[in-house]
Amino acid sequence: METRETRSSTDLPPVAREYNGVDRNAFLFGWTPQAEIWNGRLAMIGFIAYVFWDLIGYSVVRDVLHLIGY
């Protein structure tokens, strides 16, 4: 029978480290892995904000399609 090593949730490291030894959640300016993480987070927030904006009736996509005749 195969045994698996498990870690309890209390053994987790206090800060997730990136390969360069810098905190992944640090807000660093420039082309860094941290900047890509923040870019993805902000893109997800923007996408969800647009979905809610569209659901309440303010649709940029629908208005553009209406203007071009679809």
N, C-alpha and C. Protein backbone atom coordinates (compact mmCIF):
# COMPACT_ATOMS: atom_id res chain seq x y z
N MET A 1 0.84 -1.18 0.00
CA MET A 1 0.00 0.00 0.00
C MET A 1 0.89 1.24 0.00
N GLU A 2 0.51 2.21 -0.80
CA GLU A 2 1.29 3.43 -0.93
C GLU A 2 0.97 4.39 0.22
N THR A 3 1.99 4.97 0.82
CA THR A 3 1.77 5.95 1.87
C THR A 3 2.09 7.33 1.33
N ARG A 4 1.28 8.27 1.70
CA ARG A 4 1.50 9.64 1.26
C ARG A 4 1.88 10.50 2.45
N GLU A 5 2.83 11.38 2.21
CA GLU A 5 3.22 12.30 3.25
C GLU A 5 2.29 13.52 3.16
N THR A 6 1.72 13.88 4.26
CA THR A 6 0.82 15.04 4.27
C THR A 6 1.31 16.06 5.28
N ARG A 7 1.01 17.31 4.99
CA ARG A 7 1.35 18.39 5.91
C ARG A 7 0.06 19.00 6.43
N SER A 8 0.06 19.27 7.69
CA SER A 8 -1.13 19.93 8.24
C SER A 8 -1.12 21.39 7.80
N SER A 9 -2.26 22.02 7.85
CA SER A 9 -2.35 23.41 7.41
C SER A 9 -1.58 24.34 8.32
N THR A 10 -1.22 23.90 9.51
CA THR A 10 -0.44 24.76 10.40
C THR A 10 1.05 24.72 10.08
N ASP A 11 1.49 23.79 9.23
CA ASP A 11 2.89 23.71 8.84
C ASP A 11 3.23 24.53 7.60
N LEU A 12 2.27 25.24 7.05
CA LEU A 12 2.51 25.99 5.82
C LEU A 12 3.44 27.16 6.10
N PRO A 13 4.26 27.55 5.12
CA PRO A 13 5.15 28.69 5.33
C PRO A 13 4.33 29.97 5.50
N PRO A 14 4.81 30.91 6.30
CA PRO A 14 4.03 32.13 6.55
C PRO A 14 3.87 33.01 5.31
N VAL A 15 4.83 32.99 4.41
CA VAL A 15 4.77 33.81 3.19
C VAL A 15 5.17 32.94 2.02
N ALA A 16 4.36 32.94 0.96
CA ALA A 16 4.71 32.18 -0.25
C ALA A 16 5.84 32.92 -0.96
N ARG A 17 6.92 32.22 -1.23
CA ARG A 17 8.08 32.84 -1.88
C ARG A 17 8.13 32.47 -3.35
N GLU A 18 8.54 33.41 -4.17
CA GLU A 18 8.76 33.19 -5.60
C GLU A 18 10.19 32.67 -5.75
N TYR A 19 10.53 32.24 -6.93
CA TYR A 19 11.87 31.68 -7.14
C TYR A 19 12.97 32.70 -6.88
N ASN A 20 12.67 33.99 -6.98
CA ASN A 20 13.69 35.00 -6.73
C ASN A 20 13.75 35.43 -5.27
N GLY A 21 12.99 34.76 -4.39
CA GLY A 21 13.07 35.02 -2.97
C GLY A 21 12.28 36.22 -2.50
N VAL A 22 11.43 36.79 -3.36
CA VAL A 22 10.64 37.96 -3.00
C VAL A 22 9.19 37.52 -2.81
N ASP A 23 8.51 38.14 -1.86
CA ASP A 23 7.12 37.84 -1.58
C ASP A 23 6.29 37.98 -2.85
N ARG A 24 5.48 36.97 -3.18
CA ARG A 24 4.67 37.00 -4.40
C ARG A 24 3.62 38.10 -4.38
N ASN A 25 3.18 38.52 -3.21
CA ASN A 25 2.15 39.54 -3.12
C ASN A 25 2.70 40.96 -3.03
N ALA A 26 4.01 41.10 -3.07
CA ALA A 26 4.61 42.42 -3.01
C ALA A 26 4.25 43.20 -4.27
N PHE A 27 3.95 44.48 -4.12
CA PHE A 27 3.61 45.31 -5.27
C PHE A 27 4.90 45.94 -5.78
N LEU A 28 5.52 45.28 -6.75
CA LEU A 28 6.78 45.75 -7.32
C LEU A 28 6.55 46.30 -8.71
N PHE A 29 7.20 47.40 -9.03
CA PHE A 29 7.05 48.01 -10.34
C PHE A 29 8.05 47.40 -11.31
N GLY A 30 7.64 47.20 -12.56
CA GLY A 30 8.54 46.67 -13.58
C GLY A 30 8.11 45.30 -14.04
N TRP A 31 8.96 44.67 -14.84
CA TRP A 31 8.66 43.34 -15.39
C TRP A 31 9.12 42.28 -14.39
N THR A 32 8.25 42.00 -13.44
CA THR A 32 8.58 41.01 -12.41
C THR A 32 7.46 39.99 -12.34
N PRO A 33 7.73 38.81 -11.78
CA PRO A 33 6.65 37.84 -11.60
C PRO A 33 5.51 38.40 -10.75
N GLN A 34 5.84 39.25 -9.78
CA GLN A 34 4.82 39.84 -8.94
C GLN A 34 3.90 40.75 -9.75
N ALA A 35 4.47 41.47 -10.71
CA ALA A 35 3.66 42.34 -11.55
C ALA A 35 2.66 41.53 -12.38
N GLU A 36 3.07 40.36 -12.84
CA GLU A 36 2.16 39.51 -13.61
C GLU A 36 1.02 38.98 -12.74
N ILE A 37 1.31 38.68 -11.49
CA ILE A 37 0.26 38.23 -10.58
C ILE A 37 -0.75 39.35 -10.36
N TRP A 38 -0.25 40.57 -10.10
CA TRP A 38 -1.15 41.71 -9.91
C TRP A 38 -1.93 42.04 -11.17
N ASN A 39 -1.28 41.91 -12.33
CA ASN A 39 -1.97 42.15 -13.60
C ASN A 39 -3.13 41.18 -13.76
N GLY A 40 -2.93 39.92 -13.45
CA GLY A 40 -4.00 38.93 -13.54
C GLY A 40 -5.13 39.22 -12.57
N ARG A 41 -4.79 39.59 -11.35
CA ARG A 41 -5.81 39.92 -10.36
C ARG A 41 -6.66 41.10 -10.80
N LEU A 42 -6.01 42.16 -11.27
CA LEU A 42 -6.75 43.34 -11.70
C LEU A 42 -7.58 43.05 -12.95
N ALA A 43 -7.09 42.20 -13.84
CA ALA A 43 -7.86 41.82 -15.02
C ALA A 43 -9.12 41.06 -14.62
N MET A 44 -9.01 40.17 -13.61
CA MET A 44 -10.19 39.43 -13.15
C MET A 44 -11.21 40.37 -12.52
N ILE A 45 -10.73 41.34 -11.75
CA ILE A 45 -11.65 42.31 -11.14
C ILE A 45 -12.34 43.12 -12.23
N GLY A 46 -11.59 43.55 -13.25
CA GLY A 46 -12.17 44.31 -14.35
C GLY A 46 -13.20 43.51 -15.13
N PHE A 47 -12.92 42.25 -15.36
CA PHE A 47 -13.85 41.40 -16.10
C PHE A 47 -15.15 41.23 -15.33
N ILE A 48 -15.07 40.94 -14.04
CA ILE A 48 -16.26 40.78 -13.21
C ILE A 48 -17.03 42.09 -13.12
N ALA A 49 -16.31 43.22 -13.02
CA ALA A 49 -16.98 44.52 -12.97
C ALA A 49 -17.75 44.76 -14.28
N TYR A 50 -17.15 44.41 -15.42
CA TYR A 50 -17.85 44.59 -16.69
C TYR A 50 -19.07 43.69 -16.78
N VAL A 51 -18.97 42.45 -16.30
CA VAL A 51 -20.12 41.54 -16.34
C VAL A 51 -21.28 42.13 -15.53
N PHE A 52 -20.98 42.64 -14.33
CA PHE A 52 -22.04 43.26 -13.53
C PHE A 52 -22.60 44.50 -14.22
N TRP A 53 -21.73 45.32 -14.81
CA TRP A 53 -22.15 46.52 -15.53
C TRP A 53 -23.07 46.13 -16.69
N ASP A 54 -22.74 45.05 -17.38
CA ASP A 54 -23.55 44.57 -18.49
C ASP A 54 -24.91 44.04 -18.00
N LEU A 55 -24.90 43.36 -16.87
CA LEU A 55 -26.15 42.80 -16.35
C LEU A 55 -27.15 43.86 -15.91
N ILE A 56 -26.66 45.02 -15.49
CA ILE A 56 -27.60 46.07 -15.09
C ILE A 56 -28.06 46.91 -16.28
N GLY A 57 -27.57 46.61 -17.47
CA GLY A 57 -28.11 47.25 -18.67
C GLY A 57 -27.19 48.17 -19.44
N TYR A 58 -25.99 48.39 -18.96
CA TYR A 58 -25.06 49.27 -19.66
C TYR A 58 -24.05 48.42 -20.42
N SER A 59 -24.40 48.00 -21.63
CA SER A 59 -23.53 47.10 -22.37
C SER A 59 -22.84 47.82 -23.51
N VAL A 60 -21.55 47.93 -23.43
CA VAL A 60 -20.77 48.54 -24.51
C VAL A 60 -20.82 47.64 -25.75
N VAL A 61 -20.68 46.34 -25.56
CA VAL A 61 -20.68 45.40 -26.69
C VAL A 61 -22.02 45.44 -27.40
N ARG A 62 -23.11 45.41 -26.67
CA ARG A 62 -24.45 45.44 -27.27
C ARG A 62 -24.67 46.76 -28.01
N ASP A 63 -24.22 47.87 -27.45
CA ASP A 63 -24.38 49.16 -28.11
C ASP A 63 -23.57 49.23 -29.41
N VAL A 64 -22.36 48.70 -29.40
CA VAL A 64 -21.54 48.71 -30.62
C VAL A 64 -22.17 47.83 -31.69
N LEU A 65 -22.64 46.65 -31.29
CA LEU A 65 -23.30 45.78 -32.26
C LEU A 65 -24.56 46.43 -32.82
N HIS A 66 -25.27 47.16 -32.01
CA HIS A 66 -26.48 47.85 -32.48
C HIS A 66 -26.10 48.95 -33.48
N LEU A 67 -25.00 49.65 -33.22
CA LEU A 67 -24.57 50.73 -34.11
C LEU A 67 -24.15 50.22 -35.49
N ILE A 68 -23.54 49.02 -35.54
CA ILE A 68 -23.08 48.52 -36.84
C ILE A 68 -24.15 47.67 -37.53
N GLY A 69 -25.32 47.54 -36.95
CA GLY A 69 -26.42 46.92 -37.63
C GLY A 69 -26.72 45.47 -37.29
N TYR A 70 -26.17 44.95 -36.23
CA TYR A 70 -26.47 43.55 -35.85
C TYR A 70 -27.57 43.51 -34.83
